[in-house]
């Protein structure tokens, strides 16, 4: 179950790296604007906020990836704590999104379901 959790956490980290790309690199481009439902003017006006937000997502991915590596190196307690910190924060951010912007439920599910499954699988795997 721990291995399944680490695979799910890795997928969640990759999703958050892609979100970083959209928010910090491609924010004013057509794909990011379409993804986030923004006009060109809105994207330009919010690009610094999005740049910062993108790095937040990147740092969650990094914490999660480092945790996966630490577990793989045999340090299960420390690595699991890092994986849970990264994926748990991803889940919390998705919950904030769905509570504050119910119309963004689909986006919240995209960013939060896989990390939630990773958290559940890791907690169950560690308990066994």
C-alpha atoms as a PDB file:
ATOM      1  CA  UNK A   1       0.000   0.000   0.000  1.00  0.00           C
ATOM      2  CA  UNK A   2       2.934   2.355   0.678  1.00  0.00           C
ATOM      3  CA  UNK A   3       4.211   1.794  -2.863  1.00  0.00           C
ATOM      4  CA  UNK A   4       0.765   2.651  -4.244  1.00  0.00           C
ATOM      5  CA  UNK A   5       0.728   5.795  -2.116  1.00  0.00           C
ATOM      6  CA  UNK A   6       4.121   6.844  -3.458  1.00  0.00           C
ATOM      7  CA  UNK A   7       3.006   6.343  -7.058  1.00  0.00           C
ATOM      8  CA  UNK A   8      -0.130   8.409  -6.404  1.00  0.00           C
ATOM      9  CA  UNK A   9       1.953  11.067  -4.656  1.00  0.00           C
ATOM     10  CA  UNK A  10       4.288  11.146  -7.655  1.00  0.00           C
ATOM     11  CA  UNK A  11       1.348  11.669 -10.000  1.00  0.00           C
ATOM     12  CA  UNK A  12       0.043  14.449  -7.733  1.00  0.00           C
ATOM     13  CA  UNK A  13       3.485  16.078  -7.769  1.00  0.00           C
ATOM     14  CA  UNK A  14       3.578  15.958 -11.574  1.00  0.00           C
ATOM     15  CA  UNK A  15       0.120  17.550 -11.762  1.00  0.00           C
ATOM     16  CA  UNK A  16       1.351  20.348  -9.512  1.00  0.00           C
ATOM     17  CA  UNK A  17       4.461  20.841 -11.656  1.00  0.00           C
ATOM     18  CA  UNK A  18       2.115  21.262 -14.632  1.00  0.00           C
ATOM     19  CA  UNK A  19       0.039  23.763 -12.639  1.00  0.00           C
ATOM     20  CA  UNK A  20       3.304  25.600 -11.876  1.00  0.00           C
ATOM     21  CA  UNK A  21       4.031  25.723 -15.593  1.00  0.00           C
ATOM     22  CA  UNK A  22       0.583  27.111 -16.409  1.00  0.00           C
ATOM     23  CA  UNK A  23       0.663  29.721 -13.656  1.00  0.00           C
ATOM     24  CA  UNK A  24       4.305  30.821 -13.669  1.00  0.00           C
ATOM     25  CA  UNK A  25       5.467  30.280 -17.241  1.00  0.00           C
ATOM     26  CA  UNK A  26       2.467  30.223 -19.570  1.00  0.00           C
ATOM     27  CA  UNK A  27      -0.062  32.365 -17.661  1.00  0.00           C
ATOM     28  CA  UNK A  28      -0.739  34.875 -20.429  1.00  0.00           C
ATOM     29  CA  UNK A  29      -0.701  32.248 -23.195  1.00  0.00           C
ATOM     30  CA  UNK A  30      -3.824  30.939 -24.870  1.00  0.00           C
ATOM     31  CA  UNK A  31      -3.745  27.501 -23.172  1.00  0.00           C
ATOM     32  CA  UNK A  32      -3.454  28.874 -19.633  1.00  0.00           C
ATOM     33  CA  UNK A  33      -6.076  31.534 -20.305  1.00  0.00           C
ATOM     34  CA  UNK A  34      -8.469  28.884 -21.607  1.00  0.00           C
ATOM     35  CA  UNK A  35      -7.722  26.579 -18.669  1.00  0.00           C
ATOM     36  CA  UNK A  36      -8.422  29.301 -16.108  1.00  0.00           C
ATOM     37  CA  UNK A  37     -11.173  31.072 -18.081  1.00  0.00           C
ATOM     38  CA  UNK A  38      -9.341  34.394 -18.348  1.00  0.00           C
ATOM     39  CA  UNK A  39      -9.302  37.131 -20.901  1.00  0.00           C
ATOM     40  CA  UNK A  40      -5.923  38.380 -22.065  1.00  0.00           C
ATOM     41  CA  UNK A  41      -6.417  41.536 -20.005  1.00  0.00           C
ATOM     42  CA  UNK A  42      -7.241  39.547 -16.855  1.00  0.00           C
ATOM     43  CA  UNK A  43      -4.194  37.341 -17.362  1.00  0.00           C
ATOM     44  CA  UNK A  44      -1.897  40.333 -17.772  1.00  0.00           C
ATOM     45  CA  UNK A  45      -3.383  42.033 -14.706  1.00  0.00           C
ATOM     46  CA  UNK A  46      -2.952  38.936 -12.518  1.00  0.00           C
ATOM     47  CA  UNK A  47       0.328  37.537 -13.836  1.00  0.00           C
ATOM     48  CA  UNK A  48       2.387  38.424 -10.756  1.00  0.00           C
ATOM     49  CA  UNK A  49      -0.149  36.804  -8.444  1.00  0.00           C
ATOM     50  CA  UNK A  50      -0.228  33.723 -10.673  1.00  0.00           C
ATOM     51  CA  UNK A  51       3.583  33.633 -10.831  1.00  0.00           C
ATOM     52  CA  UNK A  52       3.708  33.468  -7.025  1.00  0.00           C
ATOM     53  CA  UNK A  53       0.906  30.898  -6.862  1.00  0.00           C
ATOM     54  CA  UNK A  54       2.684  28.741  -9.410  1.00  0.00           C
ATOM     55  CA  UNK A  55       5.771  28.553  -7.246  1.00  0.00           C
ATOM     56  CA  UNK A  56       3.617  27.538  -4.294  1.00  0.00           C
ATOM     57  CA  UNK A  57       2.442  24.571  -6.383  1.00  0.00           C
ATOM     58  CA  UNK A  58       6.011  23.789  -7.439  1.00  0.00           C
ATOM     59  CA  UNK A  59       7.202  23.770  -3.824  1.00  0.00           C
ATOM     60  CA  UNK A  60       4.425  21.332  -2.856  1.00  0.00           C
ATOM     61  CA  UNK A  61       5.567  19.077  -5.684  1.00  0.00           C
ATOM     62  CA  UNK A  62       9.199  19.324  -4.556  1.00  0.00           C
ATOM     63  CA  UNK A  63       8.373  18.470  -0.928  1.00  0.00           C
ATOM     64  CA  UNK A  64       6.369  15.487  -2.134  1.00  0.00           C
ATOM     65  CA  UNK A  65       9.097  14.312  -4.531  1.00  0.00           C
ATOM     66  CA  UNK A  66      11.804  14.637  -1.881  1.00  0.00           C
ATOM     67  CA  UNK A  67       9.606  12.638   0.493  1.00  0.00           C
ATOM     68  CA  UNK A  68       9.208   9.893  -2.107  1.00  0.00           C
ATOM     69  CA  UNK A  69      12.970   9.791  -2.540  1.00  0.00           C
ATOM     70  CA  UNK A  70      13.579   9.662   1.203  1.00  0.00           C
ATOM     71  CA  UNK A  71      11.124   6.755   1.607  1.00  0.00           C
ATOM     72  CA  UNK A  72      12.825   4.985  -1.305  1.00  0.00           C
ATOM     73  CA  UNK A  73      16.162   5.479   0.462  1.00  0.00           C
ATOM     74  CA  UNK A  74      14.783   3.589   3.461  1.00  0.00           C
ATOM     75  CA  UNK A  75      13.881   6.433   5.794  1.00  0.00           C
ATOM     76  CA  UNK A  76      10.164   5.732   5.946  1.00  0.00           C
ATOM     77  CA  UNK A  77       9.207   7.999   8.849  1.00  0.00           C
ATOM     78  CA  UNK A  78      10.889  11.156   7.551  1.00  0.00           C
ATOM     79  CA  UNK A  79       9.918  10.502   3.934  1.00  0.00           C
ATOM     80  CA  UNK A  80       6.321   9.756   4.837  1.00  0.00           C
ATOM     81  CA  UNK A  81       6.114  12.975   6.833  1.00  0.00           C
ATOM     82  CA  UNK A  82       7.292  14.922   3.798  1.00  0.00           C
ATOM     83  CA  UNK A  83       4.909  13.109   1.448  1.00  0.00           C
ATOM     84  CA  UNK A  84       2.019  13.745   3.840  1.00  0.00           C
ATOM     85  CA  UNK A  85       2.990  17.414   4.207  1.00  0.00           C
ATOM     86  CA  UNK A  86       3.076  17.899   0.436  1.00  0.00           C
ATOM     87  CA  UNK A  87       0.003  15.897  -0.507  1.00  0.00           C
ATOM     88  CA  UNK A  88      -1.949  17.009   2.559  1.00  0.00           C
ATOM     89  CA  UNK A  89      -1.334  20.640   1.592  1.00  0.00           C
ATOM     90  CA  UNK A  90      -2.514  19.865  -1.945  1.00  0.00           C
ATOM     91  CA  UNK A  91      -5.729  18.411  -0.526  1.00  0.00           C
ATOM     92  CA  UNK A  92      -6.195  21.392   1.794  1.00  0.00           C
ATOM     93  CA  UNK A  93      -5.738  23.828  -1.105  1.00  0.00           C
ATOM     94  CA  UNK A  94      -8.322  21.911  -3.151  1.00  0.00           C
ATOM     95  CA  UNK A  95     -10.765  22.096  -0.229  1.00  0.00           C
ATOM     96  CA  UNK A  96     -10.224  25.851   0.071  1.00  0.00           C
ATOM     97  CA  UNK A  97     -10.916  26.212  -3.650  1.00  0.00           C
ATOM     98  CA  UNK A  98     -14.145  24.220  -3.571  1.00  0.00           C
ATOM     99  CA  UNK A  99     -15.411  26.014  -0.442  1.00  0.00           C
ATOM    100  CA  UNK A 100     -14.593  29.527  -1.639  1.00  0.00           C
ATOM    101  CA  UNK A 101     -15.457  29.020  -5.314  1.00  0.00           C
ATOM    102  CA  UNK A 102     -17.973  26.189  -5.750  1.00  0.00           C
ATOM    103  CA  UNK A 103     -18.050  26.866  -9.495  1.00  0.00           C
ATOM    104  CA  UNK A 104     -14.395  25.696  -9.559  1.00  0.00           C
ATOM    105  CA  UNK A 105     -15.296  22.233  -8.225  1.00  0.00           C
ATOM    106  CA  UNK A 106     -13.891  20.516 -11.327  1.00  0.00           C
ATOM    107  CA  UNK A 107     -10.525  22.225 -10.869  1.00  0.00           C
ATOM    108  CA  UNK A 108     -10.521  21.369  -7.173  1.00  0.00           C
ATOM    109  CA  UNK A 109     -11.151  17.720  -7.996  1.00  0.00           C
ATOM    110  CA  UNK A 110      -8.318  17.716 -10.557  1.00  0.00           C
ATOM    111  CA  UNK A 111      -5.859  19.100  -8.043  1.00  0.00           C
ATOM    112  CA  UNK A 112      -7.132  17.286  -4.967  1.00  0.00           C
ATOM    113  CA  UNK A 113      -8.377  13.758  -5.652  1.00  0.00           C
ATOM    114  CA  UNK A 114      -5.063  12.070  -6.449  1.00  0.00           C
ATOM    115  CA  UNK A 115      -3.257  13.624  -3.456  1.00  0.00           C
ATOM    116  CA  UNK A 116      -6.191  12.594  -1.235  1.00  0.00           C
ATOM    117  CA  UNK A 117      -5.877   9.025  -2.472  1.00  0.00           C
ATOM    118  CA  UNK A 118      -2.125   9.198  -1.771  1.00  0.00           C
ATOM    119  CA  UNK A 119      -2.763  10.388   1.788  1.00  0.00           C
ATOM    120  CA  UNK A 120      -5.287   7.616   2.425  1.00  0.00           C
ATOM    121  CA  UNK A 121      -3.082   4.927   0.913  1.00  0.00           C
ATOM    122  CA  UNK A 122      -0.025   6.095   2.838  1.00  0.00           C
ATOM    123  CA  UNK A 123      -1.826   6.290   6.173  1.00  0.00           C
ATOM    124  CA  UNK A 124      -3.334   2.830   5.638  1.00  0.00           C
ATOM    125  CA  UNK A 125       0.004   1.444   4.443  1.00  0.00           C
ATOM    126  CA  UNK A 126       1.861   2.790   7.453  1.00  0.00           C
ATOM    127  CA  UNK A 127      -0.793   1.470   9.852  1.00  0.00           C
ATOM    128  CA  UNK A 128      -0.507  -2.101   8.562  1.00  0.00           C
END
